[in-house]
Each structure stands twice: as structure tokens, then as C-alpha cells.
């Protein structure tokens, strides 16, 4: 279900933030056509995986790329998740200019945690909205 009417979205649930320099999640983008434009990125529900209790994920850094290992199209450049202090906080991230133009054609996007949160067993949810192009 899209956050904004008319925009499809994909969600990565329970992306681990307690390990650095890892591709924490592969997000498959279902589209047909010539590509898509990333419209919005939301990070939410910073929590402990085992209990669901709130966890401070503000010191973790995240990048979203078109290839594993921090390579490929930059959807979101590596940055700290400043302000992500608990399960009720939602961060709205600005996609990188390269995610807007040229057209993104990557079938998968890789969520990479470059700096760990410092909280054992911590996870976040990532929602990405996009517009398909014919």
C-alpha cells in the first residue's frame, strides 16, 4: 500500500543496523517498462528485533545503492540516521539527485549499513516510494 495515493512502494522490514559495512538487505523493485524514479524514502521503527522495544538507531549510517558492496547507482548517499531515536520516529530521506535523473533501471537496490548503530540486535524498516515510467 502506498503512503501517497498512486505511488507504489516496497518495504524492507527488520533491516539489521547492529553490524557495519554490510549489505543488510536486498530490496527487489517490481516494475515493467523503461525504469522508475525514486520519489521518497522513509526510515521507521528503530527497535530491538527480539523484543520490539525501542532502540536508538541515530548513530547508524545507511546508503541505498543499485549494486552490492556500496557500488552502482546512488539512491541515497551514505548518511547518519540522525533523529531516529525510537520505534515511533519516522525519518523522511531525500533521494540522491542520481535517483531522480537519469532513470533508475536497477532491479534490486541494496541497503548498506556503513556504521553500526551500537545497539545489539537493533533493526529498522525502510519504505521506498517510486514512480514507474512506461
Protein backbone atom coordinates (compact mmCIF):
# COMPACT_ATOMS: atom_id res chain seq x y z
CA UNK A 1 0.00 0.00 0.00
CA UNK A 2 1.50 3.35 -0.97
CA UNK A 3 1.98 6.14 1.53
CA UNK A 4 0.84 8.64 -1.10
CA UNK A 5 -2.03 7.68 -3.39
CA UNK A 6 -0.88 6.47 -6.76
CA UNK A 7 2.73 5.68 -5.83
CA UNK A 8 3.82 2.06 -5.49
CA UNK A 9 6.17 1.28 -2.64
CA UNK A 10 8.39 -1.51 -1.41
CA UNK A 11 9.21 -2.16 2.24
CA UNK A 12 12.28 -3.73 3.82
CA UNK A 13 11.34 -4.94 7.29
CA UNK A 14 13.77 -5.60 10.13
CA UNK A 15 16.93 -4.33 8.40
CA UNK A 16 19.75 -5.04 10.87
CA UNK A 17 21.66 -1.93 11.96
CA UNK A 18 23.99 -3.53 14.51
CA UNK A 19 26.65 -4.67 12.01
CA UNK A 20 28.79 -2.25 10.00
CA UNK A 21 29.96 -2.45 6.37
CA UNK A 22 27.35 -4.93 5.28
CA UNK A 23 24.65 -5.08 2.66
CA UNK A 24 21.87 -5.51 5.20
CA UNK A 25 19.03 -6.04 2.73
CA UNK A 26 18.34 -6.54 -0.98
CA UNK A 27 15.18 -4.69 -1.96
CA UNK A 28 13.63 -6.03 -5.18
CA UNK A 29 11.86 -3.35 -7.23
CA UNK A 30 8.92 -4.79 -9.17
CA UNK A 31 8.41 -2.77 -12.32
CA UNK A 32 7.99 -3.22 -16.02
CA UNK A 33 8.85 -0.57 -18.53
CA UNK A 34 11.84 1.66 -19.08
CA UNK A 35 12.60 2.28 -15.40
CA UNK A 36 11.48 4.28 -12.39
CA UNK A 37 12.15 7.39 -10.35
CA UNK A 38 12.57 7.16 -6.58
CA UNK A 39 10.17 9.67 -5.00
CA UNK A 40 10.52 9.14 -1.23
CA UNK A 41 12.45 7.13 1.34
CA UNK A 42 11.17 6.62 4.89
CA UNK A 43 13.03 5.01 7.79
CA UNK A 44 10.96 3.90 10.76
CA UNK A 45 10.52 1.61 13.76
CA UNK A 46 14.03 1.60 15.23
CA UNK A 47 13.67 -1.33 17.59
CA UNK A 48 15.17 -4.46 19.09
CA UNK A 49 14.47 -7.49 16.92
CA UNK A 50 13.82 -9.96 19.74
CA UNK A 51 11.52 -7.84 21.90
CA UNK A 52 10.25 -4.99 19.72
CA UNK A 53 11.36 -2.49 22.38
CA UNK A 54 12.52 0.91 21.15
CA UNK A 55 16.18 1.25 20.14
CA UNK A 56 18.22 4.31 19.28
CA UNK A 57 19.39 3.96 15.67
CA UNK A 58 20.54 7.57 15.26
CA UNK A 59 24.25 6.72 15.07
CA UNK A 60 23.86 4.16 12.27
CA UNK A 61 24.65 5.24 8.71
CA UNK A 62 22.76 3.99 5.67
CA UNK A 63 23.22 4.12 1.93
CA UNK A 64 20.97 2.73 -0.79
CA UNK A 65 22.71 1.63 -3.98
CA UNK A 66 21.97 -0.20 -7.21
CA UNK A 67 24.70 -2.80 -6.64
CA UNK A 68 26.08 -4.73 -3.69
CA UNK A 69 29.14 -3.54 -1.81
CA UNK A 70 28.25 0.15 -1.92
CA UNK A 71 28.54 0.29 -5.74
CA UNK A 72 26.16 1.16 -8.55
CA UNK A 73 23.51 3.87 -8.82
CA UNK A 74 23.34 6.07 -5.71
CA UNK A 75 19.73 6.22 -4.50
CA UNK A 76 20.64 7.60 -1.06
CA UNK A 77 24.21 8.61 -0.24
CA UNK A 78 25.72 7.29 2.97
CA UNK A 79 24.47 9.41 5.88
CA UNK A 80 23.73 9.13 9.58
CA UNK A 81 20.15 8.38 10.58
CA UNK A 82 20.18 11.41 12.88
CA UNK A 83 16.95 11.70 14.83
CA UNK A 84 15.99 8.02 14.58
CA UNK A 85 15.73 7.60 18.33
CA UNK A 86 12.92 5.11 18.72
CA UNK A 87 10.08 3.00 17.43
CA UNK A 88 7.64 5.90 16.94
CA UNK A 89 10.04 8.11 14.92
CA UNK A 90 9.86 8.29 11.10
CA UNK A 91 12.67 9.87 9.09
CA UNK A 92 11.97 11.18 5.60
CA UNK A 93 15.13 10.99 3.49
CA UNK A 94 15.80 12.88 0.28
CA UNK A 95 16.79 10.66 -2.64
CA UNK A 96 20.12 11.49 -4.28
CA UNK A 97 19.94 13.52 -7.48
CA UNK A 98 21.07 10.41 -9.39
CA UNK A 99 17.94 8.61 -8.18
CA UNK A 100 15.81 11.25 -9.88
CA UNK A 101 17.73 11.55 -13.16
CA UNK A 102 18.72 9.60 -15.11
CA UNK A 103 16.04 6.93 -14.94
CA UNK A 104 16.82 4.16 -12.46
CA UNK A 105 16.75 0.69 -14.04
CA UNK A 106 18.24 -1.41 -11.23
CA UNK A 107 16.03 -4.45 -10.49
CA UNK A 108 17.34 -4.59 -6.91
CA UNK A 109 18.52 -1.93 -4.50
CA UNK A 110 20.94 -2.72 -1.70
CA UNK A 111 20.57 -1.20 1.76
CA UNK A 112 24.06 -0.87 3.24
CA UNK A 113 24.83 -0.12 6.88
CA UNK A 114 28.27 1.50 6.89
CA UNK A 115 28.39 2.45 10.58
CA UNK A 116 26.64 0.23 13.11
CA UNK A 117 24.05 1.67 15.49
CA UNK A 118 25.93 0.46 18.55
CA UNK A 119 22.79 -1.29 19.79
CA UNK A 120 22.95 -5.10 19.67
CA UNK A 121 20.04 -6.75 17.83
CA UNK A 122 18.69 -3.41 16.50
CA UNK A 123 16.65 -3.16 13.30
CA UNK A 124 14.76 -0.59 11.21
CA UNK A 125 12.11 -0.65 8.50
CA UNK A 126 12.75 1.12 5.17
CA UNK A 127 9.93 2.19 2.82
CA UNK A 128 10.76 3.38 -0.69
CA UNK A 129 8.15 5.00 -2.96
CA UNK A 130 8.75 5.19 -6.68
CA UNK A 131 7.09 6.15 -9.95
CA UNK A 132 7.22 3.73 -12.87
CA UNK A 133 7.96 5.02 -16.34
CA UNK A 134 6.40 3.43 -19.44
